[in-house]
Amino acid sequence: MAARFYFEIANAEETIHDLVGVEAAGLEEALIEARSVIAEMAEEITGNGREPPWTLLVRNEDGWLVGRLPIRK
């Protein structure tokens, strides 16, 4: 049974919320998708390295935080 997971991008100053989410068979599949998202965006979001570090937060459909992955180049 598929579940919906939401990816938020956050640092000490702001949070960008995911209002759509992705469907995944479970947490492991959602974390694989999250790592793919990080690989695609790491270069542009980390900028010059002077801003606070970003983290990708994974939430389940109930809003619980179920994963936290640092965003690095």
Protein backbone atom coordinates (compact mmCIF):
# COMPACT_ATOMS: atom_id res chain seq x y z
CA MET A 1 0.00 0.00 0.00
CA ALA A 2 1.48 3.33 -1.05
CA ALA A 3 1.81 6.24 1.33
CA ARG A 4 2.40 9.93 0.70
CA PHE A 5 5.58 11.62 1.91
CA TYR A 6 6.42 15.32 1.86
CA PHE A 7 9.86 16.86 1.42
CA GLU A 8 10.60 20.17 3.12
CA ILE A 9 13.78 22.13 2.60
CA ALA A 10 14.85 24.01 5.69
CA ASN A 11 17.70 25.95 7.25
CA ALA A 12 17.94 28.08 10.38
CA GLU A 13 16.18 30.98 8.63
CA GLU A 14 13.43 29.51 6.47
CA THR A 15 11.46 26.42 5.50
CA ILE A 16 10.13 25.65 2.03
CA HIS A 17 7.09 23.39 2.35
CA ASP A 18 6.11 20.63 -0.06
CA LEU A 19 2.36 20.82 -0.63
CA VAL A 20 2.18 17.99 -3.19
CA GLY A 21 4.38 15.20 -1.83
CA VAL A 22 5.25 11.91 -3.50
CA GLU A 23 3.76 8.45 -3.24
CA ALA A 24 6.10 5.70 -2.12
CA ALA A 25 5.72 2.09 -1.02
CA GLY A 26 7.31 2.97 2.31
CA LEU A 27 9.90 5.04 4.11
CA GLU A 28 12.88 3.38 2.40
CA GLU A 29 11.52 4.23 -1.04
CA ALA A 30 10.75 7.79 0.10
CA LEU A 31 14.34 8.20 1.34
CA ILE A 32 15.69 6.97 -2.01
CA GLU A 33 13.54 9.62 -3.72
CA ALA A 34 14.73 12.22 -1.20
CA ARG A 35 18.37 11.45 -2.01
CA SER A 36 17.57 11.86 -5.70
CA VAL A 37 16.03 15.27 -5.00
CA ILE A 38 19.14 16.31 -3.06
CA ALA A 39 21.42 15.23 -5.91
CA GLU A 40 19.42 17.37 -8.35
CA MET A 41 19.33 20.52 -6.22
CA ALA A 42 22.50 20.45 -4.11
CA GLU A 43 24.59 22.67 -6.37
CA GLU A 44 22.03 25.46 -6.69
CA ILE A 45 20.77 25.49 -3.10
CA THR A 46 24.14 25.40 -1.36
CA GLY A 47 25.29 28.51 -3.25
CA ASN A 48 28.57 29.98 -2.11
CA GLY A 49 28.53 28.14 1.22
CA ARG A 50 28.05 31.25 3.35
CA GLU A 51 24.35 30.80 4.05
CA PRO A 52 23.10 28.50 6.82
CA PRO A 53 23.22 24.81 5.84
CA TRP A 54 20.09 23.32 4.29
CA THR A 55 18.41 20.06 5.31
CA LEU A 56 15.78 18.03 3.50
CA LEU A 57 13.08 16.97 5.96
CA VAL A 58 10.84 14.01 5.12
CA ARG A 59 7.37 13.99 6.67
CA ASN A 60 4.74 11.27 6.46
CA GLU A 61 1.12 11.98 5.56
CA ASP A 62 0.31 12.61 9.23
CA GLY A 63 2.95 15.35 9.35
CA TRP A 64 5.43 13.41 11.49
CA LEU A 65 9.12 13.94 10.76
CA VAL A 66 10.43 10.55 9.57
CA GLY A 67 13.72 11.51 7.94
CA ARG A 68 16.33 14.26 7.91
CA LEU A 69 19.04 14.44 5.23
CA PRO A 70 21.70 17.17 4.94
CA ILE A 71 21.97 18.92 1.58
CA ARG A 72 25.62 19.08 0.52
CA LYS A 73 27.45 19.46 -2.77
